[in-house]
Every structure is written in structure tokens, then in C-alpha cells.
Amino acid sequence: EFLRAALAQVAEARKNVRTTLQVSQPGVGPPLPAY
């Protein structure tokens, strides 16, 4: 029963990481000046 509960919690955490965790866009920032 404890294993089933832990499995449900891990599955829920994995779902939350996939769906609700905000991912930043790498390399997005102010544009560099063009000389």
C-alpha cells in the first residue's frame, strides 16, 4: 500500500513537471547592439 501511494505521488509529480513547471527560454535577453 505504501508503494502504491508513493507511485501515485511520483506519477503526480512527474505530470506536474511536464505540465505546470515554467520553462525559461535560454538565450532570450536584450538584443546586443549592432555595431
All heavy atoms as atom14 arrays in JSON, in Angstrom:
{
  "sequence": "EFLRAALAQVAEARKNVRTTLQVSQPGVGPPLPAY",
  "atom14_mask": [
    [1, 1, 1, 1, 1, 1, 1, 1, 1, 0, 0, 0, 0, 0],
    [1, 1, 1, 1, 1, 1, 1, 1, 1, 1, 1, 0, 0, 0],
    [1, 1, 1, 1, 1, 1, 1, 1, 0, 0, 0, 0, 0, 0],
    [1, 1, 1, 1, 1, 1, 1, 1, 1, 1, 1, 0, 0, 0],
    [1, 1, 1, 1, 1, 0, 0, 0, 0, 0, 0, 0, 0, 0],
    [1, 1, 1, 1, 1, 0, 0, 0, 0, 0, 0, 0, 0, 0],
    [1, 1, 1, 1, 1, 1, 1, 1, 0, 0, 0, 0, 0, 0],
    [1, 1, 1, 1, 1, 0, 0, 0, 0, 0, 0, 0, 0, 0],
    [1, 1, 1, 1, 1, 1, 1, 1, 1, 0, 0, 0, 0, 0],
    [1, 1, 1, 1, 1, 1, 1, 0, 0, 0, 0, 0, 0, 0],
    [1, 1, 1, 1, 1, 0, 0, 0, 0, 0, 0, 0, 0, 0],
    [1, 1, 1, 1, 1, 1, 1, 1, 1, 0, 0, 0, 0, 0],
    [1, 1, 1, 1, 1, 0, 0, 0, 0, 0, 0, 0, 0, 0],
    [1, 1, 1, 1, 1, 1, 1, 1, 1, 1, 1, 0, 0, 0],
    [1, 1, 1, 1, 1, 1, 1, 1, 1, 0, 0, 0, 0, 0],
    [1, 1, 1, 1, 1, 1, 1, 1, 0, 0, 0, 0, 0, 0],
    [1, 1, 1, 1, 1, 1, 1, 0, 0, 0, 0, 0, 0, 0],
    [1, 1, 1, 1, 1, 1, 1, 1, 1, 1, 1, 0, 0, 0],
    [1, 1, 1, 1, 1, 1, 1, 0, 0, 0, 0, 0, 0, 0],
    [1, 1, 1, 1, 1, 1, 1, 0, 0, 0, 0, 0, 0, 0],
    [1, 1, 1, 1, 1, 1, 1, 1, 0, 0, 0, 0, 0, 0],
    [1, 1, 1, 1, 1, 1, 1, 1, 1, 0, 0, 0, 0, 0],
    [1, 1, 1, 1, 1, 1, 1, 0, 0, 0, 0, 0, 0, 0],
    [1, 1, 1, 1, 1, 1, 0, 0, 0, 0, 0, 0, 0, 0],
    [1, 1, 1, 1, 1, 1, 1, 1, 1, 0, 0, 0, 0, 0],
    [1, 1, 1, 1, 1, 1, 1, 0, 0, 0, 0, 0, 0, 0],
    [1, 1, 1, 1, 0, 0, 0, 0, 0, 0, 0, 0, 0, 0],
    [1, 1, 1, 1, 1, 1, 1, 0, 0, 0, 0, 0, 0, 0],
    [1, 1, 1, 1, 0, 0, 0, 0, 0, 0, 0, 0, 0, 0],
    [1, 1, 1, 1, 1, 1, 1, 0, 0, 0, 0, 0, 0, 0],
    [1, 1, 1, 1, 1, 1, 1, 0, 0, 0, 0, 0, 0, 0],
    [1, 1, 1, 1, 1, 1, 1, 1, 0, 0, 0, 0, 0, 0],
    [1, 1, 1, 1, 1, 1, 1, 0, 0, 0, 0, 0, 0, 0],
    [1, 1, 1, 1, 1, 0, 0, 0, 0, 0, 0, 0, 0, 0],
    [1, 1, 1, 1, 1, 1, 1, 1, 1, 1, 1, 1, 0, 0]
  ],
  "atom14_positions": [
    [[0.83, -1.21, 0.0], [0.0, 0.0, 0.0], [0.86, 1.26, 0.0], [0.56, 2.24, -0.69], [-0.95, 0.0, 1.2], [-2.0, -1.09, 1.16], [-2.83, -1.04, -0.12], [-3.26, 0.06, -0.53], [-3.04, -2.12, -0.71], [0.0, 0.0, 0.0], [0.0, 0.0, 0.0], [0.0, 0.0, 0.0], [0.0, 0.0, 0.0], [0.0, 0.0, 0.0]],
    [[1.96, 1.23, 0.77], [2.87, 2.37, 0.79], [3.52, 2.56, -0.57], [3.7, 3.69, -1.03], [3.93, 2.2, 1.87], [3.4, 2.36, 3.27], [3.63, 1.37, 4.22], [2.69, 3.49, 3.66], [3.14, 1.51, 5.51], [2.22, 3.63, 4.94], [2.44, 2.63, 5.87], [0.0, 0.0, 0.0], [0.0, 0.0, 0.0], [0.0, 0.0, 0.0]],
    [[3.88, 1.46, -1.22], [4.47, 1.55, -2.55], [3.47, 2.13, -3.55], [3.84, 2.95, -4.39], [4.94, 0.18, -3.02], [6.28, -0.29, -2.47], [6.54, -1.74, -2.86], [7.4, 0.6, -2.96], [0.0, 0.0, 0.0], [0.0, 0.0, 0.0], [0.0, 0.0, 0.0], [0.0, 0.0, 0.0], [0.0, 0.0, 0.0], [0.0, 0.0, 0.0]],
    [[2.23, 1.72, -3.45], [1.2, 2.27, -4.36], [1.02, 3.77, -4.14], [0.88, 4.54, -5.08], [-0.13, 1.54, -4.16], [-0.17, 0.18, -4.77], [-1.53, -0.42, -4.65], [-1.53, -1.79, -5.15], [-2.41, -2.69, -4.84], [-3.41, -2.39, -4.0], [-2.34, -3.91, -5.33], [0.0, 0.0, 0.0], [0.0, 0.0, 0.0], [0.0, 0.0, 0.0]],
    [[1.02, 4.18, -2.87], [0.88, 5.61, -2.56], [2.09, 6.4, -3.08], [1.93, 7.47, -3.67], [0.72, 5.81, -1.05], [0.0, 0.0, 0.0], [0.0, 0.0, 0.0], [0.0, 0.0, 0.0], [0.0, 0.0, 0.0], [0.0, 0.0, 0.0], [0.0, 0.0, 0.0], [0.0, 0.0, 0.0], [0.0, 0.0, 0.0], [0.0, 0.0, 0.0]],
    [[3.27, 5.84, -2.89], [4.48, 6.51, -3.37], [4.48, 6.58, -4.9], [4.85, 7.6, -5.48], [5.73, 5.78, -2.87], [0.0, 0.0, 0.0], [0.0, 0.0, 0.0], [0.0, 0.0, 0.0], [0.0, 0.0, 0.0], [0.0, 0.0, 0.0], [0.0, 0.0, 0.0], [0.0, 0.0, 0.0], [0.0, 0.0, 0.0], [0.0, 0.0, 0.0]],
    [[4.04, 5.52, -5.54], [3.97, 5.5, -7.0], [2.99, 6.56, -7.51], [3.28, 7.26, -8.48], [3.56, 4.11, -7.48], [3.54, 3.87, -8.97], [4.89, 4.14, -9.58], [3.11, 2.44, -9.26], [0.0, 0.0, 0.0], [0.0, 0.0, 0.0], [0.0, 0.0, 0.0], [0.0, 0.0, 0.0], [0.0, 0.0, 0.0], [0.0, 0.0, 0.0]],
    [[1.87, 6.72, -6.83], [0.89, 7.74, -7.22], [1.48, 9.14, -7.05], [1.28, 10.01, -7.9], [-0.38, 7.58, -6.4], [0.0, 0.0, 0.0], [0.0, 0.0, 0.0], [0.0, 0.0, 0.0], [0.0, 0.0, 0.0], [0.0, 0.0, 0.0], [0.0, 0.0, 0.0], [0.0, 0.0, 0.0], [0.0, 0.0, 0.0], [0.0, 0.0, 0.0]],
    [[2.22, 9.36, -5.97], [2.82, 10.67, -5.74], [3.9, 10.98, -6.78], [3.98, 12.11, -7.27], [3.43, 10.74, -4.34], [2.39, 10.84, -3.24], [3.03, 10.92, -1.87], [4.19, 10.59, -1.69], [2.25, 11.35, -0.89], [0.0, 0.0, 0.0], [0.0, 0.0, 0.0], [0.0, 0.0, 0.0], [0.0, 0.0, 0.0], [0.0, 0.0, 0.0]],
    [[4.72, 10.0, -7.12], [5.76, 10.21, -8.12], [5.13, 10.47, -9.49], [5.57, 11.35, -10.24], [6.74, 9.02, -8.18], [7.65, 9.09, -9.39], [7.57, 8.97, -6.91], [0.0, 0.0, 0.0], [0.0, 0.0, 0.0], [0.0, 0.0, 0.0], [0.0, 0.0, 0.0], [0.0, 0.0, 0.0], [0.0, 0.0, 0.0], [0.0, 0.0, 0.0]],
    [[4.08, 9.73, -9.82], [3.4, 9.95, -11.1], [2.79, 11.35, -11.16], [2.86, 12.03, -12.2], [2.32, 8.89, -11.3], [0.0, 0.0, 0.0], [0.0, 0.0, 0.0], [0.0, 0.0, 0.0], [0.0, 0.0, 0.0], [0.0, 0.0, 0.0], [0.0, 0.0, 0.0], [0.0, 0.0, 0.0], [0.0, 0.0, 0.0], [0.0, 0.0, 0.0]],
    [[2.22, 11.81, -10.05], [1.65, 13.16, -9.99], [2.75, 14.22, -10.11], [2.59, 15.21, -10.82], [0.88, 13.35, -8.69], [0.21, 14.69, -8.54], [-0.92, 14.9, -9.53], [-1.51, 13.92, -10.0], [-1.22, 16.08, -9.83], [0.0, 0.0, 0.0], [0.0, 0.0, 0.0], [0.0, 0.0, 0.0], [0.0, 0.0, 0.0], [0.0, 0.0, 0.0]],
    [[3.87, 14.01, -9.44], [4.99, 14.95, -9.53], [5.53, 15.01, -10.95], [5.83, 16.09, -11.47], [6.09, 14.55, -8.55], [0.0, 0.0, 0.0], [0.0, 0.0, 0.0], [0.0, 0.0, 0.0], [0.0, 0.0, 0.0], [0.0, 0.0, 0.0], [0.0, 0.0, 0.0], [0.0, 0.0, 0.0], [0.0, 0.0, 0.0], [0.0, 0.0, 0.0]],
    [[5.64, 13.86, -11.59], [6.14, 13.83, -12.97], [5.18, 14.55, -13.91], [5.6, 15.29, -14.8], [6.31, 12.37, -13.39], [7.05, 12.21, -14.69], [7.35, 10.76, -14.95], [8.08, 10.62, -16.19], [8.15, 9.52, -16.88], [7.54, 8.44, -16.45], [8.83, 9.47, -18.0], [0.0, 0.0, 0.0], [0.0, 0.0, 0.0], [0.0, 0.0, 0.0]],
    [[3.89, 14.37, -13.69], [2.89, 15.07, -14.5], [2.99, 16.57, -14.3], [2.93, 17.34, -15.26], [1.49, 14.57, -14.13], [0.38, 15.2, -14.93], [-0.96, 14.66, -14.46], [-1.95, 15.79, -14.44], [-3.14, 15.54, -13.7], [0.0, 0.0, 0.0], [0.0, 0.0, 0.0], [0.0, 0.0, 0.0], [0.0, 0.0, 0.0], [0.0, 0.0, 0.0]],
    [[3.19, 17.0, -13.05], [3.32, 18.43, -12.76], [4.57, 19.02, -13.39], [4.55, 20.16, -13.88], [3.33, 18.68, -11.26], [1.95, 18.57, -10.65], [0.95, 18.71, -11.35], [1.89, 18.29, -9.37], [0.0, 0.0, 0.0], [0.0, 0.0, 0.0], [0.0, 0.0, 0.0], [0.0, 0.0, 0.0], [0.0, 0.0, 0.0], [0.0, 0.0, 0.0]],
    [[5.67, 18.28, -13.39], [6.9, 18.77, -14.01], [6.67, 18.95, -15.51], [7.1, 19.94, -16.09], [8.07, 17.8, -13.74], [9.25, 18.08, -14.65], [8.51, 17.9, -12.29], [0.0, 0.0, 0.0], [0.0, 0.0, 0.0], [0.0, 0.0, 0.0], [0.0, 0.0, 0.0], [0.0, 0.0, 0.0], [0.0, 0.0, 0.0], [0.0, 0.0, 0.0]],
    [[5.96, 18.02, -16.13], [5.71, 18.11, -17.57], [4.76, 19.24, -17.92], [4.93, 19.89, -18.95], [5.1, 16.8, -18.08], [6.14, 15.85, -18.62], [5.47, 14.68, -19.3], [5.57, 13.55, -18.4], [4.6, 12.71, -18.11], [3.44, 12.81, -18.68], [4.79, 11.73, -17.27], [0.0, 0.0, 0.0], [0.0, 0.0, 0.0], [0.0, 0.0, 0.0]],
    [[3.74, 19.47, -17.08], [2.67, 20.38, -17.48], [2.74, 21.76, -16.84], [2.45, 22.75, -17.51], [1.29, 19.76, -17.16], [1.22, 19.48, -15.77], [1.07, 18.5, -17.96], [0.0, 0.0, 0.0], [0.0, 0.0, 0.0], [0.0, 0.0, 0.0], [0.0, 0.0, 0.0], [0.0, 0.0, 0.0], [0.0, 0.0, 0.0], [0.0, 0.0, 0.0]],
    [[3.1, 21.86, -15.57], [2.98, 23.14, -14.89], [4.3, 23.83, -14.58], [4.29, 25.01, -14.22], [2.19, 22.99, -13.57], [2.89, 22.1, -12.71], [0.79, 22.5, -13.82], [0.0, 0.0, 0.0], [0.0, 0.0, 0.0], [0.0, 0.0, 0.0], [0.0, 0.0, 0.0], [0.0, 0.0, 0.0], [0.0, 0.0, 0.0], [0.0, 0.0, 0.0]],
    [[5.42, 23.13, -14.69], [6.71, 23.77, -14.41], [7.02, 24.75, -15.52], [7.02, 24.4, -16.7], [7.81, 22.71, -14.31], [9.16, 23.2, -13.83], [9.08, 23.68, -12.38], [10.18, 22.1, -13.94], [0.0, 0.0, 0.0], [0.0, 0.0, 0.0], [0.0, 0.0, 0.0], [0.0, 0.0, 0.0], [0.0, 0.0, 0.0], [0.0, 0.0, 0.0]],
    [[7.29, 25.99, -15.15], [7.57, 27.02, -16.14], [9.0, 26.86, -16.63], [9.94, 26.78, -15.85], [7.39, 28.41, -15.54], [5.96, 28.73, -15.2], [5.85, 30.13, -14.61], [6.83, 30.79, -14.34], [4.61, 30.56, -14.41], [0.0, 0.0, 0.0], [0.0, 0.0, 0.0], [0.0, 0.0, 0.0], [0.0, 0.0, 0.0], [0.0, 0.0, 0.0]],
    [[9.15, 26.82, -17.95], [10.46, 26.67, -18.57], [10.85, 28.01, -19.17], [10.07, 28.63, -19.89], [10.42, 25.57, -19.66], [11.77, 25.46, -20.33], [10.01, 24.25, -19.05], [0.0, 0.0, 0.0], [0.0, 0.0, 0.0], [0.0, 0.0, 0.0], [0.0, 0.0, 0.0], [0.0, 0.0, 0.0], [0.0, 0.0, 0.0], [0.0, 0.0, 0.0]],
    [[12.04, 28.46, -18.84], [12.53, 29.72, -19.4], [13.12, 29.45, -20.77], [13.57, 28.36, -21.08], [13.58, 30.34, -18.48], [14.7, 29.49, -18.41], [0.0, 0.0, 0.0], [0.0, 0.0, 0.0], [0.0, 0.0, 0.0], [0.0, 0.0, 0.0], [0.0, 0.0, 0.0], [0.0, 0.0, 0.0], [0.0, 0.0, 0.0], [0.0, 0.0, 0.0]],
    [[13.12, 30.47, -21.57], [13.72, 30.36, -22.9], [15.2, 30.73, -22.79], [15.52, 31.87, -22.45], [13.01, 31.31, -23.88], [11.56, 30.98, -24.1], [11.38, 29.6, -24.71], [12.16, 29.17, -25.53], [10.36, 28.9, -24.28], [0.0, 0.0, 0.0], [0.0, 0.0, 0.0], [0.0, 0.0, 0.0], [0.0, 0.0, 0.0], [0.0, 0.0, 0.0]],
    [[16.1, 29.79, -23.05], [17.52, 30.11, -22.92], [17.97, 31.09, -24.0], [17.5, 31.04, -25.13], [18.21, 28.76, -23.1], [17.25, 27.95, -23.9], [15.87, 28.44, -23.51], [0.0, 0.0, 0.0], [0.0, 0.0, 0.0], [0.0, 0.0, 0.0], [0.0, 0.0, 0.0], [0.0, 0.0, 0.0], [0.0, 0.0, 0.0], [0.0, 0.0, 0.0]],
    [[18.83, 31.98, -23.6], [19.39, 32.92, -24.57], [18.5, 34.09, -24.91], [18.86, 34.9, -25.75], [0.0, 0.0, 0.0], [0.0, 0.0, 0.0], [0.0, 0.0, 0.0], [0.0, 0.0, 0.0], [0.0, 0.0, 0.0], [0.0, 0.0, 0.0], [0.0, 0.0, 0.0], [0.0, 0.0, 0.0], [0.0, 0.0, 0.0], [0.0, 0.0, 0.0]],
    [[17.35, 34.2, -24.26], [16.48, 35.32, -24.55], [16.87, 36.46, -23.62], [16.9, 36.31, -22.41], [14.99, 34.95, -24.33], [14.1, 36.15, -24.49], [14.59, 33.85, -25.3], [0.0, 0.0, 0.0], [0.0, 0.0, 0.0], [0.0, 0.0, 0.0], [0.0, 0.0, 0.0], [0.0, 0.0, 0.0], [0.0, 0.0, 0.0], [0.0, 0.0, 0.0]],
    [[17.18, 37.56, -24.19], [17.58, 38.71, -23.41], [17.56, 39.94, -24.29], [17.1, 39.88, -25.43], [0.0, 0.0, 0.0], [0.0, 0.0, 0.0], [0.0, 0.0, 0.0], [0.0, 0.0, 0.0], [0.0, 0.0, 0.0], [0.0, 0.0, 0.0], [0.0, 0.0, 0.0], [0.0, 0.0, 0.0], [0.0, 0.0, 0.0], [0.0, 0.0, 0.0]],
    [[18.03, 41.03, -23.78], [18.04, 42.24, -24.61], [18.97, 42.04, -25.8], [20.02, 41.4, -25.69], [18.55, 43.32, -23.67], [19.24, 42.61, -22.58], [18.61, 41.26, -22.47], [0.0, 0.0, 0.0], [0.0, 0.0, 0.0], [0.0, 0.0, 0.0], [0.0, 0.0, 0.0], [0.0, 0.0, 0.0], [0.0, 0.0, 0.0], [0.0, 0.0, 0.0]],
    [[18.59, 42.55, -26.93], [19.45, 42.38, -28.11], [20.76, 43.13, -27.93], [20.82, 44.2, -27.33], [18.63, 42.97, -29.25], [17.67, 43.89, -28.59], [17.4, 43.34, -27.22], [0.0, 0.0, 0.0], [0.0, 0.0, 0.0], [0.0, 0.0, 0.0], [0.0, 0.0, 0.0], [0.0, 0.0, 0.0], [0.0, 0.0, 0.0], [0.0, 0.0, 0.0]],
    [[21.8, 42.54, -28.45], [23.11, 43.18, -28.39], [23.17, 44.28, -29.44], [22.58, 44.15, -30.52], [24.21, 42.14, -28.64], [24.29, 41.02, -27.61], [25.34, 40.0, -28.04], [24.62, 41.58, -26.25], [0.0, 0.0, 0.0], [0.0, 0.0, 0.0], [0.0, 0.0, 0.0], [0.0, 0.0, 0.0], [0.0, 0.0, 0.0], [0.0, 0.0, 0.0]],
    [[23.87, 45.35, -29.14], [23.94, 46.44, -30.12], [24.69, 45.98, -31.37], [25.69, 45.28, -31.3], [24.69, 47.54, -29.39], [25.4, 46.87, -28.28], [24.61, 45.66, -27.93], [0.0, 0.0, 0.0], [0.0, 0.0, 0.0], [0.0, 0.0, 0.0], [0.0, 0.0, 0.0], [0.0, 0.0, 0.0], [0.0, 0.0, 0.0], [0.0, 0.0, 0.0]],
    [[24.17, 46.38, -32.51], [24.83, 46.06, -33.78], [25.74, 47.21, -34.15], [25.29, 48.33, -34.37], [23.78, 45.83, -34.85], [0.0, 0.0, 0.0], [0.0, 0.0, 0.0], [0.0, 0.0, 0.0], [0.0, 0.0, 0.0], [0.0, 0.0, 0.0], [0.0, 0.0, 0.0], [0.0, 0.0, 0.0], [0.0, 0.0, 0.0], [0.0, 0.0, 0.0]],
    [[27.03, 46.96, -34.15], [27.99, 47.99, -34.49], [28.15, 48.05, -36.0], [28.02, 47.05, -36.7], [29.33, 47.72, -33.81], [29.22, 47.72, -32.31], [29.31, 46.54, -31.59], [28.98, 48.89, -31.61], [29.19, 46.53, -30.21], [28.86, 48.91, -30.24], [28.96, 47.73, -29.54], [28.83, 47.73, -28.19], [0.0, 0.0, 0.0], [0.0, 0.0, 0.0]]
  ]
}
